[in-house]
């Protein structure tokens, strides 16, 4: 979750690895290859993650514990019990039920509409949560009329709940929103974390001019998760 695992051990030459910048977590993290240690290092100044309170408000108790326990080997999962208790205290102080969690409420709606919430998959990426209501499967089942209708209902519910709590901005660095519907899942992202942020980082901090960037994406359309790059003048979009 917090390491560019798919780039590790792929046998690329160091002169190529040394020129790769890896952005993860929907633009919440940035990694670069350190030839001196032969390992990937995180740019700590770039990090923008959910607070523990925000993560608990979205994930709920059990999913919070599971997700952070899986991060134990990276150091991010230390003291899960203490962090969970502290996050619960924060939520209570803001009038949010820490036992519930937005995803649990959505699962109940999903069940009432004839689907099996136990098949849903949750991916927490530090600065975002991806919830696959039908599981991490091909897109076709998500396009069935009933699934489309229920998914729209769940997105509306999630947006209403977030809006009712000021997008959870009061318990984190910034608010959480649902920026685009995607092809399958429902994604919760820390506001300001997206592919546009990563590209702006390349332009502003790495000195790469926009006309030297070729962006390739499969959702370069209104509502697509690549579409925000259209707001950066000069980038060639394919």
C-alpha atoms as a PDB file:
ATOM      1  CA  UNK A   1       0.000   0.000   0.000  1.00  0.00           C
ATOM      2  CA  UNK A   2       2.799   2.395   0.810  1.00  0.00           C
ATOM      3  CA  UNK A   3       5.485   0.992  -1.488  1.00  0.00           C
ATOM      4  CA  UNK A   4       5.684   0.805  -5.287  1.00  0.00           C
ATOM      5  CA  UNK A   5       5.711  -2.978  -5.088  1.00  0.00           C
ATOM      6  CA  UNK A   6       5.077  -3.666  -8.759  1.00  0.00           C
ATOM      7  CA  UNK A   7       8.258  -1.789  -9.710  1.00  0.00           C
ATOM      8  CA  UNK A   8      10.410  -3.723  -7.253  1.00  0.00           C
ATOM      9  CA  UNK A   9      12.536  -6.564  -8.517  1.00  0.00           C
ATOM     10  CA  UNK A  10      11.538  -6.238 -12.145  1.00  0.00           C
ATOM     11  CA  UNK A  11      15.157  -6.214 -13.298  1.00  0.00           C
ATOM     12  CA  UNK A  12      15.256  -2.756 -14.846  1.00  0.00           C
ATOM     13  CA  UNK A  13      18.733  -1.199 -15.184  1.00  0.00           C
ATOM     14  CA  UNK A  14      19.642   1.336 -12.511  1.00  0.00           C
ATOM     15  CA  UNK A  15      20.035   4.141 -15.051  1.00  0.00           C
ATOM     16  CA  UNK A  16      16.347   3.661 -15.877  1.00  0.00           C
ATOM     17  CA  UNK A  17      15.205   3.169 -12.288  1.00  0.00           C
ATOM     18  CA  UNK A  18      17.062   6.339 -11.336  1.00  0.00           C
ATOM     19  CA  UNK A  19      14.805   8.296 -13.709  1.00  0.00           C
ATOM     20  CA  UNK A  20      11.471   6.887 -12.522  1.00  0.00           C
ATOM     21  CA  UNK A  21       9.231   8.844 -10.186  1.00  0.00           C
ATOM     22  CA  UNK A  22       6.378   6.779  -8.817  1.00  0.00           C
ATOM     23  CA  UNK A  23       3.197   8.499  -7.586  1.00  0.00           C
ATOM     24  CA  UNK A  24       0.850   6.377  -5.495  1.00  0.00           C
ATOM     25  CA  UNK A  25      -2.375   6.612  -3.530  1.00  0.00           C
ATOM     26  CA  UNK A  26      -4.163   8.823  -6.056  1.00  0.00           C
ATOM     27  CA  UNK A  27      -1.462  11.450  -5.843  1.00  0.00           C
ATOM     28  CA  UNK A  28      -0.933  11.246  -2.075  1.00  0.00           C
ATOM     29  CA  UNK A  29       2.573   9.761  -2.175  1.00  0.00           C
ATOM     30  CA  UNK A  30       5.739   9.985  -4.244  1.00  0.00           C
ATOM     31  CA  UNK A  31       8.668   7.580  -4.491  1.00  0.00           C
ATOM     32  CA  UNK A  32      12.057   7.623  -6.178  1.00  0.00           C
ATOM     33  CA  UNK A  33      14.799   5.033  -6.582  1.00  0.00           C
ATOM     34  CA  UNK A  34      17.946   5.490  -4.486  1.00  0.00           C
ATOM     35  CA  UNK A  35      20.842   3.716  -6.223  1.00  0.00           C
ATOM     36  CA  UNK A  36      22.998   4.123  -3.107  1.00  0.00           C
ATOM     37  CA  UNK A  37      20.752   1.867  -1.035  1.00  0.00           C
ATOM     38  CA  UNK A  38      19.249   0.047  -4.038  1.00  0.00           C
ATOM     39  CA  UNK A  39      15.786   0.735  -2.666  1.00  0.00           C
ATOM     40  CA  UNK A  40      12.760   2.961  -3.164  1.00  0.00           C
ATOM     41  CA  UNK A  41      12.508   6.012  -0.934  1.00  0.00           C
ATOM     42  CA  UNK A  42       9.453   8.103  -0.195  1.00  0.00           C
ATOM     43  CA  UNK A  43       9.387  11.855  -0.627  1.00  0.00           C
ATOM     44  CA  UNK A  44       8.029  12.688   2.820  1.00  0.00           C
ATOM     45  CA  UNK A  45       7.357  16.291   1.874  1.00  0.00           C
ATOM     46  CA  UNK A  46       4.806  15.153  -0.705  1.00  0.00           C
ATOM     47  CA  UNK A  47       2.699  12.968   1.595  1.00  0.00           C
ATOM     48  CA  UNK A  48      -0.990  13.873   2.057  1.00  0.00           C
ATOM     49  CA  UNK A  49      -2.949  11.112   3.803  1.00  0.00           C
ATOM     50  CA  UNK A  50      -6.268  10.599   5.542  1.00  0.00           C
ATOM     51  CA  UNK A  51      -6.065  11.279   9.244  1.00  0.00           C
ATOM     52  CA  UNK A  52      -6.833   8.243  11.408  1.00  0.00           C
ATOM     53  CA  UNK A  53     -10.168   9.832  12.266  1.00  0.00           C
ATOM     54  CA  UNK A  54     -11.077  10.234   8.596  1.00  0.00           C
ATOM     55  CA  UNK A  55     -10.021   6.658   7.834  1.00  0.00           C
ATOM     56  CA  UNK A  56     -12.162   5.324  10.692  1.00  0.00           C
ATOM     57  CA  UNK A  57     -15.151   7.440   9.646  1.00  0.00           C
ATOM     58  CA  UNK A  58     -15.034   5.935   6.166  1.00  0.00           C
ATOM     59  CA  UNK A  59     -13.804   2.392   6.852  1.00  0.00           C
ATOM     60  CA  UNK A  60     -15.437   1.554  10.177  1.00  0.00           C
ATOM     61  CA  UNK A  61     -13.849  -0.353  13.094  1.00  0.00           C
ATOM     62  CA  UNK A  62     -13.190  -3.761  11.577  1.00  0.00           C
ATOM     63  CA  UNK A  63     -11.945  -2.537   8.213  1.00  0.00           C
ATOM     64  CA  UNK A  64      -9.722   0.095   9.862  1.00  0.00           C
ATOM     65  CA  UNK A  65      -8.120  -2.575  12.021  1.00  0.00           C
ATOM     66  CA  UNK A  66      -7.656  -4.948   9.088  1.00  0.00           C
ATOM     67  CA  UNK A  67      -6.199  -2.356   6.733  1.00  0.00           C
ATOM     68  CA  UNK A  68      -3.732  -0.903   9.231  1.00  0.00           C
ATOM     69  CA  UNK A  69      -2.704  -4.311  10.553  1.00  0.00           C
ATOM     70  CA  UNK A  70      -1.709  -5.270   7.007  1.00  0.00           C
ATOM     71  CA  UNK A  71       0.592  -2.231   6.984  1.00  0.00           C
ATOM     72  CA  UNK A  72       2.482  -3.385  10.078  1.00  0.00           C
ATOM     73  CA  UNK A  73       5.525  -4.443   8.054  1.00  0.00           C
ATOM     74  CA  UNK A  74       5.887  -0.932   6.620  1.00  0.00           C
ATOM     75  CA  UNK A  75       5.762   0.859   9.960  1.00  0.00           C
ATOM     76  CA  UNK A  76       2.436   2.515   9.145  1.00  0.00           C
ATOM     77  CA  UNK A  77       0.555  -0.203  10.988  1.00  0.00           C
ATOM     78  CA  UNK A  78       2.201   0.220  14.383  1.00  0.00           C
ATOM     79  CA  UNK A  79       0.018   0.532  17.486  1.00  0.00           C
ATOM     80  CA  UNK A  80      -3.197  -0.176  15.582  1.00  0.00           C
ATOM     81  CA  UNK A  81      -5.227  -0.570  18.784  1.00  0.00           C
ATOM     82  CA  UNK A  82      -4.055   2.745  20.215  1.00  0.00           C
ATOM     83  CA  UNK A  83      -4.636   4.548  16.947  1.00  0.00           C
ATOM     84  CA  UNK A  84      -8.101   3.059  16.630  1.00  0.00           C
ATOM     85  CA  UNK A  85      -9.032   4.156  20.157  1.00  0.00           C
ATOM     86  CA  UNK A  86      -7.660   7.660  19.595  1.00  0.00           C
ATOM     87  CA  UNK A  87      -9.503   7.985  16.277  1.00  0.00           C
ATOM     88  CA  UNK A  88     -12.741   6.846  17.918  1.00  0.00           C
ATOM     89  CA  UNK A  89     -12.357   9.548  20.565  1.00  0.00           C
ATOM     90  CA  UNK A  90     -11.915  12.178  17.843  1.00  0.00           C
ATOM     91  CA  UNK A  91     -15.052  11.021  16.022  1.00  0.00           C
ATOM     92  CA  UNK A  92     -17.160  11.047  19.163  1.00  0.00           C
ATOM     93  CA  UNK A  93     -16.051  14.619  19.855  1.00  0.00           C
ATOM     94  CA  UNK A  94     -17.375  15.576  16.396  1.00  0.00           C
ATOM     95  CA  UNK A  95     -20.673  13.751  16.759  1.00  0.00           C
ATOM     96  CA  UNK A  96     -19.741  10.837  14.481  1.00  0.00           C
ATOM     97  CA  UNK A  97     -20.511   7.257  15.469  1.00  0.00           C
ATOM     98  CA  UNK A  98     -17.123   5.454  15.372  1.00  0.00           C
ATOM     99  CA  UNK A  99     -18.786   2.041  15.429  1.00  0.00           C
ATOM    100  CA  UNK A 100     -20.597   2.555  12.145  1.00  0.00           C
ATOM    101  CA  UNK A 101     -18.335   3.750   9.346  1.00  0.00           C
ATOM    102  CA  UNK A 102     -19.664   5.010   6.032  1.00  0.00           C
ATOM    103  CA  UNK A 103     -18.846   1.781   4.188  1.00  0.00           C
ATOM    104  CA  UNK A 104     -20.839  -0.267   6.698  1.00  0.00           C
ATOM    105  CA  UNK A 105     -23.880   1.915   6.111  1.00  0.00           C
ATOM    106  CA  UNK A 106     -23.429   1.516   2.375  1.00  0.00           C
ATOM    107  CA  UNK A 107     -23.149  -2.264   2.746  1.00  0.00           C
ATOM    108  CA  UNK A 108     -26.511  -2.364   4.494  1.00  0.00           C
ATOM    109  CA  UNK A 109     -28.092  -0.503   1.579  1.00  0.00           C
ATOM    110  CA  UNK A 110     -26.328  -2.827  -0.846  1.00  0.00           C
ATOM    111  CA  UNK A 111     -27.757  -5.862   0.973  1.00  0.00           C
ATOM    112  CA  UNK A 112     -31.263  -4.409   1.004  1.00  0.00           C
ATOM    113  CA  UNK A 113     -31.065  -4.022  -2.779  1.00  0.00           C
ATOM    114  CA  UNK A 114     -30.373  -7.716  -3.327  1.00  0.00           C
ATOM    115  CA  UNK A 115     -26.574  -7.764  -3.513  1.00  0.00           C
ATOM    116  CA  UNK A 116     -24.045  -9.545  -1.301  1.00  0.00           C
ATOM    117  CA  UNK A 117     -21.958  -6.985   0.638  1.00  0.00           C
ATOM    118  CA  UNK A 118     -19.531  -9.683   1.772  1.00  0.00           C
ATOM    119  CA  UNK A 119     -18.259  -9.804  -1.806  1.00  0.00           C
ATOM    120  CA  UNK A 120     -17.281  -6.125  -1.747  1.00  0.00           C
ATOM    121  CA  UNK A 121     -13.573  -5.307  -1.778  1.00  0.00           C
ATOM    122  CA  UNK A 122     -11.959  -2.359  -0.009  1.00  0.00           C
ATOM    123  CA  UNK A 123      -8.586  -0.851  -0.910  1.00  0.00           C
ATOM    124  CA  UNK A 124      -7.141   1.799   1.408  1.00  0.00           C
ATOM    125  CA  UNK A 125      -4.260   3.679  -0.196  1.00  0.00           C
ATOM    126  CA  UNK A 126      -3.457   6.240   2.460  1.00  0.00           C
ATOM    127  CA  UNK A 127      -4.890   9.212   0.594  1.00  0.00           C
ATOM    128  CA  UNK A 128      -7.886   7.393  -0.827  1.00  0.00           C
ATOM    129  CA  UNK A 129     -10.273   4.480  -0.371  1.00  0.00           C
ATOM    130  CA  UNK A 130     -11.559   2.437  -3.311  1.00  0.00           C
ATOM    131  CA  UNK A 131     -14.682   0.416  -2.556  1.00  0.00           C
ATOM    132  CA  UNK A 132     -15.663  -2.212  -5.113  1.00  0.00           C
ATOM    133  CA  UNK A 133     -19.285  -2.903  -4.208  1.00  0.00           C
ATOM    134  CA  UNK A 134     -19.530  -6.075  -6.354  1.00  0.00           C
ATOM    135  CA  UNK A 135     -15.958  -7.159  -5.754  1.00  0.00           C
ATOM    136  CA  UNK A 136     -12.821  -6.617  -7.795  1.00  0.00           C
ATOM    137  CA  UNK A 137     -14.244  -8.170 -10.955  1.00  0.00           C
ATOM    138  CA  UNK A 138     -14.645  -7.193 -14.584  1.00  0.00           C
ATOM    139  CA  UNK A 139     -16.674  -4.099 -15.406  1.00  0.00           C
ATOM    140  CA  UNK A 140     -19.603  -5.879 -17.124  1.00  0.00           C
ATOM    141  CA  UNK A 141     -21.605  -6.708 -13.930  1.00  0.00           C
ATOM    142  CA  UNK A 142     -21.267  -3.083 -12.842  1.00  0.00           C
ATOM    143  CA  UNK A 143     -22.962  -1.994 -16.064  1.00  0.00           C
ATOM    144  CA  UNK A 144     -26.126  -4.001 -15.497  1.00  0.00           C
ATOM    145  CA  UNK A 145     -29.095  -1.624 -15.037  1.00  0.00           C
ATOM    146  CA  UNK A 146     -29.849  -2.603 -11.425  1.00  0.00           C
ATOM    147  CA  UNK A 147     -26.190  -2.337 -10.436  1.00  0.00           C
ATOM    148  CA  UNK A 148     -25.912   1.071 -12.099  1.00  0.00           C
ATOM    149  CA  UNK A 149     -29.013   2.286 -10.262  1.00  0.00           C
ATOM    150  CA  UNK A 150     -27.821   1.048  -6.864  1.00  0.00           C
ATOM    151  CA  UNK A 151     -24.339   2.429  -7.406  1.00  0.00           C
ATOM    152  CA  UNK A 152     -25.774   5.870  -8.139  1.00  0.00           C
ATOM    153  CA  UNK A 153     -27.884   5.580  -4.992  1.00  0.00           C
ATOM    154  CA  UNK A 154     -24.822   4.695  -2.909  1.00  0.00           C
ATOM    155  CA  UNK A 155     -22.782   7.549  -4.352  1.00  0.00           C
ATOM    156  CA  UNK A 156     -25.601   9.968  -3.538  1.00  0.00           C
ATOM    157  CA  UNK A 157     -25.788   8.584   0.015  1.00  0.00           C
ATOM    158  CA  UNK A 158     -22.027   8.882   0.517  1.00  0.00           C
ATOM    159  CA  UNK A 159     -21.958  12.441  -0.810  1.00  0.00           C
ATOM    160  CA  UNK A 160     -24.847  13.390   1.462  1.00  0.00           C
ATOM    161  CA  UNK A 161     -23.127  11.926   4.535  1.00  0.00           C
ATOM    162  CA  UNK A 162     -19.823  13.630   3.749  1.00  0.00           C
ATOM    163  CA  UNK A 163     -21.506  16.970   3.081  1.00  0.00           C
ATOM    164  CA  UNK A 164     -23.355  16.674   6.401  1.00  0.00           C
ATOM    165  CA  UNK A 165     -20.010  16.452   8.199  1.00  0.00           C
ATOM    166  CA  UNK A 166     -18.197  19.182   6.239  1.00  0.00           C
ATOM    167  CA  UNK A 167     -16.501  16.526   4.067  1.00  0.00           C
ATOM    168  CA  UNK A 168     -14.729  15.348   7.277  1.00  0.00           C
ATOM    169  CA  UNK A 169     -12.423  18.378   6.864  1.00  0.00           C
ATOM    170  CA  UNK A 170     -12.653  19.158  10.584  1.00  0.00           C
ATOM    171  CA  UNK A 171     -10.795  15.968  11.500  1.00  0.00           C
ATOM    172  CA  UNK A 172      -8.056  16.024   8.862  1.00  0.00           C
ATOM    173  CA  UNK A 173      -5.774  18.138   6.703  1.00  0.00           C
ATOM    174  CA  UNK A 174      -8.529  18.707   4.157  1.00  0.00           C
ATOM    175  CA  UNK A 175     -11.899  17.280   3.196  1.00  0.00           C
ATOM    176  CA  UNK A 176     -12.759  13.990   1.519  1.00  0.00           C
ATOM    177  CA  UNK A 177     -14.835  13.847  -1.645  1.00  0.00           C
ATOM    178  CA  UNK A 178     -15.972  11.498  -4.407  1.00  0.00           C
ATOM    179  CA  UNK A 179     -14.364  13.207  -7.415  1.00  0.00           C
ATOM    180  CA  UNK A 180     -15.515  10.847 -10.178  1.00  0.00           C
ATOM    181  CA  UNK A 181     -17.674   7.726 -10.456  1.00  0.00           C
ATOM    182  CA  UNK A 182     -15.070   5.512 -12.130  1.00  0.00           C
ATOM    183  CA  UNK A 183     -15.850   2.389 -14.136  1.00  0.00           C
ATOM    184  CA  UNK A 184     -16.627   0.091 -11.204  1.00  0.00           C
ATOM    185  CA  UNK A 185     -15.834   1.151  -7.683  1.00  0.00           C
ATOM    186  CA  UNK A 186     -16.730   4.141  -5.542  1.00  0.00           C
ATOM    187  CA  UNK A 187     -13.677   6.147  -4.598  1.00  0.00           C
ATOM    188  CA  UNK A 188     -13.170   8.454  -1.616  1.00  0.00           C
ATOM    189  CA  UNK A 189     -10.216  10.792  -2.125  1.00  0.00           C
ATOM    190  CA  UNK A 190      -8.591  13.480  -0.012  1.00  0.00           C
ATOM    191  CA  UNK A 191      -9.343  16.752  -1.754  1.00  0.00           C
ATOM    192  CA  UNK A 192      -6.342  17.870  -3.789  1.00  0.00           C
ATOM    193  CA  UNK A 193      -4.982  14.352  -4.274  1.00  0.00           C
ATOM    194  CA  UNK A 194      -5.208  13.373  -7.931  1.00  0.00           C
ATOM    195  CA  UNK A 195      -3.175  12.851 -11.107  1.00  0.00           C
ATOM    196  CA  UNK A 196      -3.190  16.579 -11.751  1.00  0.00           C
ATOM    197  CA  UNK A 197      -1.272  17.083  -8.496  1.00  0.00           C
ATOM    198  CA  UNK A 198       1.355  14.557  -9.598  1.00  0.00           C
ATOM    199  CA  UNK A 199       1.750  16.244 -12.983  1.00  0.00           C
ATOM    200  CA  UNK A 200       1.984  19.690 -11.400  1.00  0.00           C
ATOM    201  CA  UNK A 201       4.750  18.293  -9.209  1.00  0.00           C
ATOM    202  CA  UNK A 202       6.665  17.176 -12.295  1.00  0.00           C
ATOM    203  CA  UNK A 203       6.217  20.594 -13.891  1.00  0.00           C
ATOM    204  CA  UNK A 204       6.807  22.823 -10.865  1.00  0.00           C
ATOM    205  CA  UNK A 205       9.386  20.838  -8.892  1.00  0.00           C
ATOM    206  CA  UNK A 206      11.116  18.591 -11.427  1.00  0.00           C
ATOM    207  CA  UNK A 207      11.448  21.276 -14.092  1.00  0.00           C
ATOM    208  CA  UNK A 208       9.733  19.284 -16.836  1.00  0.00           C
ATOM    209  CA  UNK A 209       7.847  21.617 -19.212  1.00  0.00           C
ATOM    210  CA  UNK A 210       4.228  20.651 -19.977  1.00  0.00           C
ATOM    211  CA  UNK A 211       4.930  20.235 -23.698  1.00  0.00           C
ATOM    212  CA  UNK A 212       7.415  17.463 -22.863  1.00  0.00           C
ATOM    213  CA  UNK A 213       4.793  15.410 -21.021  1.00  0.00           C
ATOM    214  CA  UNK A 214       2.708  12.784 -22.794  1.00  0.00           C
ATOM    215  CA  UNK A 215      -0.199  11.633 -20.625  1.00  0.00           C
ATOM    216  CA  UNK A 216      -1.855   8.330 -21.506  1.00  0.00           C
ATOM    217  CA  UNK A 217      -5.131   7.435 -19.785  1.00  0.00           C
ATOM    218  CA  UNK A 218      -8.234   5.370 -20.422  1.00  0.00           C
ATOM    219  CA  UNK A 219     -10.676   7.787 -18.763  1.00  0.00           C
ATOM    220  CA  UNK A 220      -9.982  11.102 -20.485  1.00  0.00           C
ATOM    221  CA  UNK A 221     -13.633  12.069 -20.515  1.00  0.00           C
ATOM    222  CA  UNK A 222     -15.964  14.080 -18.299  1.00  0.00           C
ATOM    223  CA  UNK A 223     -16.278  12.193 -15.022  1.00  0.00           C
ATOM    224  CA  UNK A 224     -13.254   9.999 -15.766  1.00  0.00           C
ATOM    225  CA  UNK A 225     -10.422   9.700 -13.272  1.00  0.00           C
ATOM    226  CA  UNK A 226      -7.867  10.961 -15.814  1.00  0.00           C
ATOM    227  CA  UNK A 227      -9.844  13.971 -16.949  1.00  0.00           C
ATOM    228  CA  UNK A 228      -8.381  16.462 -14.460  1.00  0.00           C
ATOM    229  CA  UNK A 229      -5.148  16.580 -16.474  1.00  0.00           C
ATOM    230  CA  UNK A 230      -7.091  18.479 -19.132  1.00  0.00           C
ATOM    231  CA  UNK A 231      -6.871  21.457 -16.782  1.00  0.00           C
ATOM    232  CA  UNK A 232      -3.089  21.677 -17.335  1.00  0.00           C
ATOM    233  CA  UNK A 233      -2.332  23.606 -20.543  1.00  0.00           C
ATOM    234  CA  UNK A 234       0.306  22.188 -22.844  1.00  0.00           C
ATOM    235  CA  UNK A 235       0.158  18.492 -21.964  1.00  0.00           C
ATOM    236  CA  UNK A 236      -0.285  16.112 -24.879  1.00  0.00           C
ATOM    237  CA  UNK A 237      -3.253  13.873 -23.960  1.00  0.00           C
ATOM    238  CA  UNK A 238      -3.839  10.494 -25.564  1.00  0.00           C
END
